[in-house]
Amino acid sequence: MPEVILTFEWDGKTVNKEAIGFDGKTCTEQTDFIEKALGAVNQKRRFKPEYLRQTKQKDTRLKY
């Protein structure tokens, strides 16, 4: 099950966000609202190897 972990540093200014269990860009899609709420949009991001994985897409082709 995907989860997001927020770590607040003692300085009160630094928040680290870690998305676990997401594939591809779904991590940023599902956590952008957190960055916006904290006013940290477009801050320095470090992506895990899972970010480069493509999400599984449902096959919507018609089969005859």
C-alpha atoms as a PDB file:
ATOM      1  CA  MET A   1       0.000   0.000   0.000  1.00  0.00           C
ATOM      2  CA  PRO A   2       1.504   3.389  -0.999  1.00  0.00           C
ATOM      3  CA  GLU A   3       2.334   5.800   1.783  1.00  0.00           C
ATOM      4  CA  VAL A   4       3.829   9.247   2.295  1.00  0.00           C
ATOM      5  CA  ILE A   5       6.149  10.000   5.209  1.00  0.00           C
ATOM      6  CA  LEU A   6       6.719  13.606   6.301  1.00  0.00           C
ATOM      7  CA  THR A   7       9.659  14.402   8.565  1.00  0.00           C
ATOM      8  CA  PHE A   8       9.720  17.824  10.217  1.00  0.00           C
ATOM      9  CA  GLU A   9      13.162  19.024  11.299  1.00  0.00           C
ATOM     10  CA  TRP A  10      13.777  20.885  14.567  1.00  0.00           C
ATOM     11  CA  ASP A  11      14.510  24.156  12.772  1.00  0.00           C
ATOM     12  CA  GLY A  12      10.821  24.396  11.891  1.00  0.00           C
ATOM     13  CA  LYS A  13      11.621  25.230   8.281  1.00  0.00           C
ATOM     14  CA  THR A  14      12.711  21.924   6.813  1.00  0.00           C
ATOM     15  CA  VAL A  15      10.222  19.232   5.842  1.00  0.00           C
ATOM     16  CA  ASN A  16      11.298  16.032   4.109  1.00  0.00           C
ATOM     17  CA  LYS A  17       8.732  14.092   2.114  1.00  0.00           C
ATOM     18  CA  GLU A  18       9.202  10.461   1.145  1.00  0.00           C
ATOM     19  CA  ALA A  19       6.744   8.627  -1.085  1.00  0.00           C
ATOM     20  CA  ILE A  20       6.849   4.847  -0.746  1.00  0.00           C
ATOM     21  CA  GLY A  21       5.120   2.263  -2.927  1.00  0.00           C
ATOM     22  CA  PHE A  22       4.422   4.465  -5.948  1.00  0.00           C
ATOM     23  CA  ASP A  23       5.589   3.719  -9.496  1.00  0.00           C
ATOM     24  CA  GLY A  24       6.445   6.359 -12.035  1.00  0.00           C
ATOM     25  CA  LYS A  25       5.144   9.876 -11.750  1.00  0.00           C
ATOM     26  CA  THR A  26       2.193   8.869  -9.589  1.00  0.00           C
ATOM     27  CA  CYS A  27       4.224   9.825  -6.511  1.00  0.00           C
ATOM     28  CA  THR A  28       4.393  13.476  -7.551  1.00  0.00           C
ATOM     29  CA  GLU A  29       0.790  13.457  -8.747  1.00  0.00           C
ATOM     30  CA  GLN A  30      -0.379  12.149  -5.371  1.00  0.00           C
ATOM     31  CA  THR A  31       1.792  14.424  -3.220  1.00  0.00           C
ATOM     32  CA  ASP A  32       1.789  17.781  -5.029  1.00  0.00           C
ATOM     33  CA  PHE A  33      -0.969  19.044  -2.737  1.00  0.00           C
ATOM     34  CA  ILE A  34       1.358  18.607   0.260  1.00  0.00           C
ATOM     35  CA  GLU A  35       4.037  20.768  -1.332  1.00  0.00           C
ATOM     36  CA  LYS A  36       1.497  23.430  -2.211  1.00  0.00           C
ATOM     37  CA  ALA A  37       0.053  23.444   1.316  1.00  0.00           C
ATOM     38  CA  LEU A  38       3.543  23.820   2.815  1.00  0.00           C
ATOM     39  CA  GLY A  39       4.589  26.440   0.267  1.00  0.00           C
ATOM     40  CA  ALA A  40       7.435  24.244  -0.960  1.00  0.00           C
ATOM     41  CA  VAL A  41       6.518  23.899  -4.616  1.00  0.00           C
ATOM     42  CA  ASN A  42       9.442  23.108  -6.946  1.00  0.00           C
ATOM     43  CA  GLN A  43      11.972  22.653  -4.168  1.00  0.00           C
ATOM     44  CA  LYS A  44      14.916  20.328  -4.633  1.00  0.00           C
ATOM     45  CA  ARG A  45      13.663  16.797  -5.310  1.00  0.00           C
ATOM     46  CA  ARG A  46      15.521  13.513  -5.247  1.00  0.00           C
ATOM     47  CA  PHE A  47      13.854  10.697  -7.130  1.00  0.00           C
ATOM     48  CA  LYS A  48      14.132   7.014  -6.352  1.00  0.00           C
ATOM     49  CA  PRO A  49      14.574   4.359  -9.060  1.00  0.00           C
ATOM     50  CA  GLU A  50      10.833   3.625  -8.798  1.00  0.00           C
ATOM     51  CA  TYR A  51      10.174   7.051 -10.325  1.00  0.00           C
ATOM     52  CA  LEU A  52      11.709   5.869 -13.585  1.00  0.00           C
ATOM     53  CA  ARG A  53       9.458   2.814 -13.740  1.00  0.00           C
ATOM     54  CA  GLN A  54       6.427   3.139 -15.916  1.00  0.00           C
ATOM     55  CA  THR A  55       3.077   2.691 -14.267  1.00  0.00           C
ATOM     56  CA  LYS A  56       1.069  -0.326 -15.310  1.00  0.00           C
ATOM     57  CA  GLN A  57      -1.578   0.765 -17.750  1.00  0.00           C
ATOM     58  CA  LYS A  58      -4.804  -1.047 -18.318  1.00  0.00           C
ATOM     59  CA  ASP A  59      -5.082  -2.600 -21.779  1.00  0.00           C
ATOM     60  CA  THR A  60      -7.970  -0.798 -23.428  1.00  0.00           C
ATOM     61  CA  ARG A  61      -7.574  -2.281 -26.891  1.00  0.00           C
ATOM     62  CA  LEU A  62     -10.562  -4.015 -28.407  1.00  0.00           C
ATOM     63  CA  LYS A  63     -10.068  -7.716 -28.971  1.00  0.00           C
ATOM     64  CA  TYR A  64     -11.893  -9.484 -31.776  1.00  0.00           C
END
